[in-house]
């Protein structure tokens, strides 16, 4: 994000401070961040929920584990497709 878009949510001045939770709001001082918290709390929570990993991916830390998981999902989808068409053997 360019510095041009980093304006304080309260006074629109240049804002070197960023909300540490959602990373989407900027402030020129800690006082302005505290002042704006009641208004920022709900959108902050929504933004954090969007950015958090989905529960299905928790525990799949290694790249190989994710690949295996997606491969298994794809195979199950293919089995379902074959079953729906009546082409599944076994």
PDB file of N, CA and C in Angstrom:
ATOM      1  N   UNK A   1       0.859  -1.173   0.000  1.00  0.00           N
ATOM      2  CA  UNK A   1       0.000   0.000   0.000  1.00  0.00           C
ATOM      3  C   UNK A   1       0.901   1.230   0.000  1.00  0.00           C
ATOM      4  N   UNK A   2       0.589   2.194  -0.812  1.00  0.00           N
ATOM      5  CA  UNK A   2       1.408   3.401  -0.869  1.00  0.00           C
ATOM      6  C   UNK A   2       1.106   4.300   0.320  1.00  0.00           C
ATOM      7  N   UNK A   3       2.064   5.164   0.639  1.00  0.00           N
ATOM      8  CA  UNK A   3       1.888   6.082   1.759  1.00  0.00           C
ATOM      9  C   UNK A   3       0.758   7.075   1.522  1.00  0.00           C
ATOM     10  N   UNK A   4       0.381   7.316   0.255  1.00  0.00           N
ATOM     11  CA  UNK A   4      -0.697   8.253  -0.059  1.00  0.00           C
ATOM     12  C   UNK A   4      -2.028   7.802   0.530  1.00  0.00           C
ATOM     13  N   UNK A   5      -2.223   6.496   0.695  1.00  0.00           N
ATOM     14  CA  UNK A   5      -3.486   5.964   1.194  1.00  0.00           C
ATOM     15  C   UNK A   5      -3.488   5.802   2.704  1.00  0.00           C
ATOM     16  N   UNK A   6      -2.398   6.131   3.355  1.00  0.00           N
ATOM     17  CA  UNK A   6      -2.296   5.946   4.797  1.00  0.00           C
ATOM     18  C   UNK A   6      -2.652   7.232   5.527  1.00  0.00           C
ATOM     19  N   UNK A   7      -3.933   7.527   5.567  1.00  0.00           N
ATOM     20  CA  UNK A   7      -4.419   8.711   6.263  1.00  0.00           C
ATOM     21  C   UNK A   7      -5.122   8.286   7.540  1.00  0.00           C
ATOM     22  N   UNK A   8      -4.965   9.080   8.574  1.00  0.00           N
ATOM     23  CA  UNK A   8      -5.581   8.817   9.867  1.00  0.00           C
ATOM     24  C   UNK A   8      -7.102   8.741   9.710  1.00  0.00           C
ATOM     25  N   UNK A   9      -7.693   7.753  10.336  1.00  0.00           N
ATOM     26  CA  UNK A   9      -9.149   7.570  10.292  1.00  0.00           C
ATOM     27  C   UNK A   9      -9.891   8.718  10.980  1.00  0.00           C
ATOM     28  N   UNK A  10      -9.224   9.420  11.876  1.00  0.00           N
ATOM     29  CA  UNK A  10      -9.870  10.480  12.646  1.00  0.00           C
ATOM     30  C   UNK A  10      -9.676  11.847  12.004  1.00  0.00           C
ATOM     31  N   UNK A  11      -8.421  12.194  11.656  1.00  0.00           N
ATOM     32  CA  UNK A  11      -8.142  13.567  11.206  1.00  0.00           C
ATOM     33  C   UNK A  11      -7.640  13.665   9.756  1.00  0.00           C
ATOM     34  N   UNK A  12      -7.444  12.543   9.103  1.00  0.00           N
ATOM     35  CA  UNK A  12      -6.994  12.476   7.705  1.00  0.00           C
ATOM     36  C   UNK A  12      -5.552  12.940   7.489  1.00  0.00           C
ATOM     37  N   UNK A  13      -4.777  13.123   8.556  1.00  0.00           N
ATOM     38  CA  UNK A  13      -3.363  13.452   8.412  1.00  0.00           C
ATOM     39  C   UNK A  13      -2.584  12.188   8.062  1.00  0.00           C
ATOM     40  N   UNK A  14      -1.340  12.347   7.670  1.00  0.00           N
ATOM     41  CA  UNK A  14      -0.472  11.208   7.398  1.00  0.00           C
ATOM     42  C   UNK A  14      -0.425  10.300   8.625  1.00  0.00           C
ATOM     43  N   UNK A  15      -0.545   8.994   8.407  1.00  0.00           N
ATOM     44  CA  UNK A  15      -0.701   8.068   9.524  1.00  0.00           C
ATOM     45  C   UNK A  15       0.373   6.976   9.514  1.00  0.00           C
ATOM     46  N   UNK A  16       1.351   7.079  10.403  1.00  0.00           N
ATOM     47  CA  UNK A  16       2.393   6.060  10.467  1.00  0.00           C
ATOM     48  C   UNK A  16       1.981   4.804  11.243  1.00  0.00           C
ATOM     49  N   UNK A  17       0.904   4.882  12.005  1.00  0.00           N
ATOM     50  CA  UNK A  17       0.465   3.746  12.819  1.00  0.00           C
ATOM     51  C   UNK A  17      -0.653   2.980  12.121  1.00  0.00           C
ATOM     52  N   UNK A  18      -0.624   1.662  12.284  1.00  0.00           N
ATOM     53  CA  UNK A  18      -1.594   0.790  11.629  1.00  0.00           C
ATOM     54  C   UNK A  18      -2.261  -0.082  12.685  1.00  0.00           C
ATOM     55  N   UNK A  19      -3.540  -0.375  12.500  1.00  0.00           N
ATOM     56  CA  UNK A  19      -4.222  -1.301  13.400  1.00  0.00           C
ATOM     57  C   UNK A  19      -3.496  -2.640  13.334  1.00  0.00           C
ATOM     58  N   UNK A  20      -3.021  -3.114  14.460  1.00  0.00           N
ATOM     59  CA  UNK A  20      -2.236  -4.357  14.461  1.00  0.00           C
ATOM     60  C   UNK A  20      -3.101  -5.586  14.254  1.00  0.00           C
ATOM     61  N   UNK A  21      -4.401  -5.469  14.467  1.00  0.00           N
ATOM     62  CA  UNK A  21      -5.288  -6.619  14.321  1.00  0.00           C
ATOM     63  C   UNK A  21      -5.715  -6.850  12.873  1.00  0.00           C
ATOM     64  N   UNK A  22      -6.229  -5.820  12.214  1.00  0.00           N
ATOM     65  CA  UNK A  22      -6.770  -6.005  10.859  1.00  0.00           C
ATOM     66  C   UNK A  22      -5.860  -5.474   9.765  1.00  0.00           C
ATOM     67  N   UNK A  23      -4.944  -4.611  10.123  1.00  0.00           N
ATOM     68  CA  UNK A  23      -4.003  -4.002   9.171  1.00  0.00           C
ATOM     69  C   UNK A  23      -4.703  -3.117   8.133  1.00  0.00           C
ATOM     70  N   UNK A  24      -5.946  -2.732   8.375  1.00  0.00           N
ATOM     71  CA  UNK A  24      -6.703  -1.971   7.387  1.00  0.00           C
ATOM     72  C   UNK A  24      -6.961  -0.521   7.783  1.00  0.00           C
ATOM     73  N   UNK A  25      -6.729  -0.172   9.033  1.00  0.00           N
ATOM     74  CA  UNK A  25      -6.979   1.187   9.502  1.00  0.00           C
ATOM     75  C   UNK A  25      -5.657   1.817   9.939  1.00  0.00           C
ATOM     76  N   UNK A  26      -5.545   3.120   9.694  1.00  0.00           N
ATOM     77  CA  UNK A  26      -4.308   3.842  10.006  1.00  0.00           C
ATOM     78  C   UNK A  26      -4.615   5.036  10.901  1.00  0.00           C
ATOM     79  N   UNK A  27      -3.624   5.380  11.735  1.00  0.00           N
ATOM     80  CA  UNK A  27      -3.793   6.457  12.701  1.00  0.00           C
ATOM     81  C   UNK A  27      -2.504   7.256  12.826  1.00  0.00           C
ATOM     82  N   UNK A  28      -2.653   8.544  13.133  1.00  0.00           N
ATOM     83  CA  UNK A  28      -1.475   9.388  13.318  1.00  0.00           C
ATOM     84  C   UNK A  28      -0.959   9.308  14.749  1.00  0.00           C
ATOM     85  N   UNK A  29      -1.834   8.975  15.693  1.00  0.00           N
ATOM     86  CA  UNK A  29      -1.422   8.850  17.094  1.00  0.00           C
ATOM     87  C   UNK A  29      -2.191   7.710  17.759  1.00  0.00           C
ATOM     88  N   UNK A  30      -1.647   7.232  18.859  1.00  0.00           N
ATOM     89  CA  UNK A  30      -2.324   6.200  19.640  1.00  0.00           C
ATOM     90  C   UNK A  30      -3.649   6.741  20.186  1.00  0.00           C
ATOM     91  N   UNK A  31      -3.661   8.007  20.527  1.00  0.00           N
ATOM     92  CA  UNK A  31      -4.891   8.613  21.040  1.00  0.00           C
ATOM     93  C   UNK A  31      -6.022   8.552  20.013  1.00  0.00           C
ATOM     94  N   UNK A  32      -5.693   8.815  18.748  1.00  0.00           N
ATOM     95  CA  UNK A  32      -6.724   8.736  17.705  1.00  0.00           C
ATOM     96  C   UNK A  32      -7.177   7.291  17.494  1.00  0.00           C
ATOM     97  N   UNK A  33      -6.267   6.360  17.623  1.00  0.00           N
ATOM     98  CA  UNK A  33      -6.656   4.953  17.500  1.00  0.00           C
ATOM     99  C   UNK A  33      -7.635   4.569  18.605  1.00  0.00           C
ATOM    100  N   UNK A  34      -7.348   4.987  19.835  1.00  0.00           N
ATOM    101  CA  UNK A  34      -8.247   4.708  20.959  1.00  0.00           C
ATOM    102  C   UNK A  34      -9.588   5.411  20.780  1.00  0.00           C
ATOM    103  N   UNK A  35      -9.558   6.643  20.300  1.00  0.00           N
ATOM    104  CA  UNK A  35     -10.780   7.422  20.080  1.00  0.00           C
ATOM    105  C   UNK A  35     -11.672   6.757  19.029  1.00  0.00           C
ATOM    106  N   UNK A  36     -11.087   6.150  18.041  1.00  0.00           N
ATOM    107  CA  UNK A  36     -11.829   5.573  16.915  1.00  0.00           C
ATOM    108  C   UNK A  36     -12.253   4.127  17.169  1.00  0.00           C
ATOM    109  N   UNK A  37     -11.817   3.519  18.265  1.00  0.00           N
ATOM    110  CA  UNK A  37     -12.023   2.095  18.482  1.00  0.00           C
ATOM    111  C   UNK A  37     -13.491   1.670  18.449  1.00  0.00           C
ATOM    112  N   UNK A  38     -14.395   2.409  19.076  1.00  0.00           N
ATOM    113  CA  UNK A  38     -15.810   2.021  19.090  1.00  0.00           C
ATOM    114  C   UNK A  38     -16.364   1.891  17.675  1.00  0.00           C
ATOM    115  N   UNK A  39     -15.974   2.792  16.802  1.00  0.00           N
ATOM    116  CA  UNK A  39     -16.431   2.754  15.414  1.00  0.00           C
ATOM    117  C   UNK A  39     -15.705   1.674  14.606  1.00  0.00           C
ATOM    118  N   UNK A  40     -14.457   1.441  14.939  1.00  0.00           N
ATOM    119  CA  UNK A  40     -13.622   0.511  14.164  1.00  0.00           C
ATOM    120  C   UNK A  40     -13.769  -0.943  14.597  1.00  0.00           C
ATOM    121  N   UNK A  41     -14.279  -1.193  15.787  1.00  0.00           N
ATOM    122  CA  UNK A  41     -14.303  -2.540  16.362  1.00  0.00           C
ATOM    123  C   UNK A  41     -15.006  -3.558  15.468  1.00  0.00           C
ATOM    124  N   UNK A  42     -16.205  -3.264  14.990  1.00  0.00           N
ATOM    125  CA  UNK A  42     -16.965  -4.222  14.174  1.00  0.00           C
ATOM    126  C   UNK A  42     -16.292  -4.489  12.817  1.00  0.00           C
ATOM    127  N   UNK A  43     -15.912  -3.451  12.047  1.00  0.00           N
ATOM    128  CA  UNK A  43     -15.242  -3.748  10.778  1.00  0.00           C
ATOM    129  C   UNK A  43     -13.886  -4.429  10.976  1.00  0.00           C
ATOM    130  N   UNK A  44     -13.222  -4.138  12.081  1.00  0.00           N
ATOM    131  CA  UNK A  44     -11.941  -4.788  12.385  1.00  0.00           C
ATOM    132  C   UNK A  44     -12.156  -6.294  12.547  1.00  0.00           C
ATOM    133  N   UNK A  45     -13.193  -6.662  13.279  1.00  0.00           N
ATOM    134  CA  UNK A  45     -13.490  -8.081  13.506  1.00  0.00           C
ATOM    135  C   UNK A  45     -13.816  -8.780  12.191  1.00  0.00           C
ATOM    136  N   UNK A  46     -14.637  -8.150  11.351  1.00  0.00           N
ATOM    137  CA  UNK A  46     -14.987  -8.754  10.057  1.00  0.00           C
ATOM    138  C   UNK A  46     -13.747  -8.943   9.184  1.00  0.00           C
ATOM    139  N   UNK A  47     -12.885  -7.943   9.153  1.00  0.00           N
ATOM    140  CA  UNK A  47     -11.674  -8.026   8.340  1.00  0.00           C
ATOM    141  C   UNK A  47     -10.766  -9.139   8.841  1.00  0.00           C
ATOM    142  N   UNK A  48     -10.622  -9.267  10.149  1.00  0.00           N
ATOM    143  CA  UNK A  48      -9.782 -10.335  10.707  1.00  0.00           C
ATOM    144  C   UNK A  48     -10.352 -11.700  10.368  1.00  0.00           C
ATOM    145  N   UNK A  49     -11.671 -11.857  10.421  1.00  0.00           N
ATOM    146  CA  UNK A  49     -12.290 -13.143  10.112  1.00  0.00           C
ATOM    147  C   UNK A  49     -12.049 -13.525   8.656  1.00  0.00           C
ATOM    148  N   UNK A  50     -12.086 -12.546   7.774  1.00  0.00           N
ATOM    149  CA  UNK A  50     -11.844 -12.811   6.358  1.00  0.00           C
ATOM    150  C   UNK A  50     -10.401 -13.242   6.126  1.00  0.00           C
ATOM    151  N   UNK A  51      -9.492 -12.622   6.842  1.00  0.00           N
ATOM    152  CA  UNK A  51      -8.066 -12.896   6.636  1.00  0.00           C
ATOM    153  C   UNK A  51      -7.557 -14.127   7.366  1.00  0.00           C
ATOM    154  N   UNK A  52      -8.286 -14.613   8.360  1.00  0.00           N
ATOM    155  CA  UNK A  52      -7.845 -15.788   9.107  1.00  0.00           C
ATOM    156  C   UNK A  52      -7.979 -17.028   8.244  1.00  0.00           C
ATOM    157  N   UNK A  53      -7.116 -18.017   8.458  1.00  0.00           N
ATOM    158  CA  UNK A  53      -7.233 -19.248   7.675  1.00  0.00           C
ATOM    159  C   UNK A  53      -8.547 -19.955   7.997  1.00  0.00           C
ATOM    160  N   UNK A  54      -9.086 -20.610   7.023  1.00  0.00           N
ATOM    161  CA  UNK A  54     -10.327 -21.344   7.207  1.00  0.00           C
ATOM    162  C   UNK A  54     -10.072 -22.577   8.057  1.00  0.00           C
ATOM    163  N   UNK A  55     -11.067 -23.015   8.781  1.00  0.00           N
ATOM    164  CA  UNK A  55     -10.892 -24.124   9.716  1.00  0.00           C
ATOM    165  C   UNK A  55     -10.464 -25.401   9.014  1.00  0.00           C
ATOM    166  N   UNK A  56     -10.880 -25.617   7.769  1.00  0.00           N
ATOM    167  CA  UNK A  56     -10.491 -26.849   7.077  1.00  0.00           C
ATOM    168  C   UNK A  56      -8.995 -26.929   6.841  1.00  0.00           C
ATOM    169  N   UNK A  57      -8.310 -25.786   6.813  1.00  0.00           N
ATOM    170  CA  UNK A  57      -6.877 -25.804   6.536  1.00  0.00           C
ATOM    171  C   UNK A  57      -6.019 -25.825   7.796  1.00  0.00           C
ATOM    172  N   UNK A  58      -6.641 -25.702   8.972  1.00  0.00           N
ATOM    173  CA  UNK A  58      -5.874 -25.715  10.200  1.00  0.00           C
ATOM    174  C   UNK A  58      -5.221 -27.079  10.370  1.00  0.00           C
ATOM    175  N   UNK A  59      -3.989 -27.091  10.732  1.00  0.00           N
ATOM    176  CA  UNK A  59      -3.265 -28.340  10.900  1.00  0.00           C
ATOM    177  C   UNK A  59      -2.553 -28.802   9.649  1.00  0.00           C
ATOM    178  N   UNK A  60      -2.823 -28.157   8.527  1.00  0.00           N
ATOM    179  CA  UNK A  60      -2.138 -28.503   7.278  1.00  0.00           C
ATOM    180  C   UNK A  60      -1.010 -27.512   7.069  1.00  0.00           C
ATOM    181  N   UNK A  61       0.015 -27.623   7.887  1.00  0.00           N
ATOM    182  CA  UNK A  61       1.088 -26.644   7.869  1.00  0.00           C
ATOM    183  C   UNK A  61       2.086 -26.874   6.751  1.00  0.00           C
ATOM    184  N   UNK A  62       2.329 -28.118   6.420  1.00  0.00           N
ATOM    185  CA  UNK A  62       3.337 -28.412   5.411  1.00  0.00           C
ATOM    186  C   UNK A  62       2.702 -28.394   4.026  1.00  0.00           C
ATOM    187  N   UNK A  63       3.461 -27.930   3.062  1.00  0.00           N
ATOM    188  CA  UNK A  63       2.948 -27.844   1.684  1.00  0.00           C
ATOM    189  C   UNK A  63       2.504 -29.216   1.184  1.00  0.00           C
ATOM    190  N   UNK A  64       3.244 -30.263   1.515  1.00  0.00           N
ATOM    191  CA  UNK A  64       2.892 -31.620   1.082  1.00  0.00           C
ATOM    192  C   UNK A  64       1.556 -32.076   1.633  1.00  0.00           C
ATOM    193  N   UNK A  65       1.255 -31.687   2.888  1.00  0.00           N
ATOM    194  CA  UNK A  65      -0.027 -32.059   3.482  1.00  0.00           C
ATOM    195  C   UNK A  65      -1.184 -31.409   2.748  1.00  0.00           C
ATOM    196  N   UNK A  66      -1.009 -30.156   2.361  1.00  0.00           N
ATOM    197  CA  UNK A  66      -2.056 -29.469   1.608  1.00  0.00           C
ATOM    198  C   UNK A  66      -2.263 -30.128   0.252  1.00  0.00           C
ATOM    199  N   UNK A  67      -1.166 -30.492  -0.406  1.00  0.00           N
ATOM    200  CA  UNK A  67      -1.255 -31.154  -1.712  1.00  0.00           C
ATOM    201  C   UNK A  67      -2.002 -32.476  -1.590  1.00  0.00           C
ATOM    202  N   UNK A  68      -1.672 -33.259  -0.564  1.00  0.00           N
ATOM    203  CA  UNK A  68      -2.349 -34.542  -0.355  1.00  0.00           C
ATOM    204  C   UNK A  68      -3.837 -34.332  -0.084  1.00  0.00           C
ATOM    205  N   UNK A  69      -4.153 -33.315   0.720  1.00  0.00           N
ATOM    206  CA  UNK A  69      -5.551 -33.045   1.049  1.00  0.00           C
ATOM    207  C   UNK A  69      -6.340 -32.669  -0.202  1.00  0.00           C
ATOM    208  N   UNK A  70      -5.783 -31.778  -1.016  1.00  0.00           N
ATOM    209  CA  UNK A  70      -6.469 -31.374  -2.245  1.00  0.00           C
ATOM    210  C   UNK A  70      -6.577 -32.533  -3.227  1.00  0.00           C
ATOM    211  N   UNK A  71      -5.559 -33.374  -3.294  1.00  0.00           N
ATOM    212  CA  UNK A  71      -5.604 -34.550  -4.169  1.00  0.00           C
ATOM    213  C   UNK A  71      -6.719 -35.491  -3.741  1.00  0.00           C
ATOM    214  N   UNK A  72      -6.831 -35.731  -2.434  1.00  0.00           N
ATOM    215  CA  UNK A  72      -7.905 -36.592  -1.932  1.00  0.00           C
ATOM    216  C   UNK A  72      -9.274 -36.001  -2.249  1.00  0.00           C
ATOM    217  N   UNK A  73      -9.422 -34.694  -2.080  1.00  0.00           N
ATOM    218  CA  UNK A  73     -10.698 -34.042  -2.399  1.00  0.00           C
ATOM    219  C   UNK A  73     -11.046 -34.214  -3.875  1.00  0.00           C
ATOM    220  N   UNK A  74     -10.057 -34.050  -4.725  1.00  0.00           N
ATOM    221  CA  UNK A  74     -10.290 -34.189  -6.165  1.00  0.00           C
ATOM    222  C   UNK A  74     -10.692 -35.623  -6.502  1.00  0.00           C
ATOM    223  N   UNK A  75     -10.022 -36.589  -5.907  1.00  0.00           N
ATOM    224  CA  UNK A  75     -10.373 -37.997  -6.161  1.00  0.00           C
ATOM    225  C   UNK A  75     -11.794 -38.305  -5.703  1.00  0.00           C
ATOM    226  N   UNK A  76     -12.181 -37.780  -4.541  1.00  0.00           N
ATOM    227  CA  UNK A  76     -13.549 -37.986  -4.070  1.00  0.00           C
ATOM    228  C   UNK A  76     -14.563 -37.345  -5.009  1.00  0.00           C
ATOM    229  N   UNK A  77     -14.241 -36.179  -5.542  1.00  0.00           N
ATOM    230  CA  UNK A  77     -15.134 -35.530  -6.502  1.00  0.00           C
ATOM    231  C   UNK A  77     -15.273 -36.379  -7.758  1.00  0.00           C
ATOM    232  N   UNK A  78     -14.167 -36.924  -8.250  1.00  0.00           N
ATOM    233  CA  UNK A  78     -14.227 -37.788  -9.429  1.00  0.00           C
ATOM    234  C   UNK A  78     -15.080 -39.026  -9.160  1.00  0.00           C
ATOM    235  N   UNK A  79     -14.907 -39.633  -7.969  1.00  0.00           N
ATOM    236  CA  UNK A  79     -15.738 -40.784  -7.608  1.00  0.00           C
ATOM    237  C   UNK A  79     -17.208 -40.417  -7.612  1.00  0.00           C
ATOM    238  N   UNK A  80     -17.547 -39.255  -7.066  1.00  0.00           N
ATOM    239  CA  UNK A  80     -18.943 -38.802  -7.063  1.00  0.00           C
ATOM    240  C   UNK A  80     -19.459 -38.598  -8.484  1.00  0.00           C
ATOM    241  N   UNK A  81     -18.644 -37.997  -9.336  1.00  0.00           N
ATOM    242  CA  UNK A  81     -19.056 -37.777 -10.725  1.00  0.00           C
ATOM    243  C   UNK A  81     -19.319 -39.099 -11.438  1.00  0.00           C
ATOM    244  N   UNK A  82     -18.418 -40.070 -11.257  1.00  0.00           N
ATOM    245  CA  UNK A  82     -18.606 -41.376 -11.882  1.00  0.00           C
ATOM    246  C   UNK A  82     -19.849 -42.066 -11.331  1.00  0.00           C
ATOM    247  N   UNK A  83     -20.057 -41.968 -10.014  1.00  0.00           N
ATOM    248  CA  UNK A  83     -21.222 -42.610  -9.389  1.00  0.00           C
ATOM    249  C   UNK A  83     -22.509 -42.002  -9.917  1.00  0.00           C
ATOM    250  N   UNK A  84     -22.537 -40.681 -10.070  1.00  0.00           N
ATOM    251  CA  UNK A  84     -23.745 -40.027 -10.579  1.00  0.00           C
ATOM    252  C   UNK A  84     -24.056 -40.427 -12.014  1.00  0.00           C
ATOM    253  N   UNK A  85     -23.022 -40.686 -12.793  1.00  0.00           N
ATOM    254  CA  UNK A  85     -23.221 -41.125 -14.172  1.00  0.00           C
ATOM    255  C   UNK A  85     -23.398 -42.640 -14.295  1.00  0.00           C
ATOM    256  N   UNK A  86     -23.256 -43.368 -13.183  1.00  0.00           N
ATOM    257  CA  UNK A  86     -23.398 -44.814 -13.195  1.00  0.00           C
ATOM    258  C   UNK A  86     -22.182 -45.523 -13.771  1.00  0.00           C
ATOM    259  N   UNK A  87     -21.033 -44.874 -13.752  1.00  0.00           N
ATOM    260  CA  UNK A  87     -19.823 -45.460 -14.327  1.00  0.00           C
ATOM    261  C   UNK A  87     -18.830 -45.943 -13.285  1.00  0.00           C
ATOM    262  N   UNK A  88     -19.210 -45.921 -12.012  1.00  0.00           N
ATOM    263  CA  UNK A  88     -18.289 -46.300 -10.953  1.00  0.00           C
ATOM    264  C   UNK A  88     -18.247 -47.819 -10.839  1.00  0.00           C
ATOM    265  N   UNK A  89     -17.062 -48.396 -10.922  1.00  0.00           N
ATOM    266  CA  UNK A  89     -16.871 -49.834 -10.802  1.00  0.00           C
ATOM    267  C   UNK A  89     -16.203 -50.133  -9.476  1.00  0.00           C
ATOM    268  N   UNK A  90     -16.786 -50.983  -8.691  1.00  0.00           N
ATOM    269  CA  UNK A  90     -16.150 -51.422  -7.459  1.00  0.00           C
ATOM    270  C   UNK A  90     -16.612 -50.709  -6.325  1.00  0.00           C
TER     271      UNK A  90
END
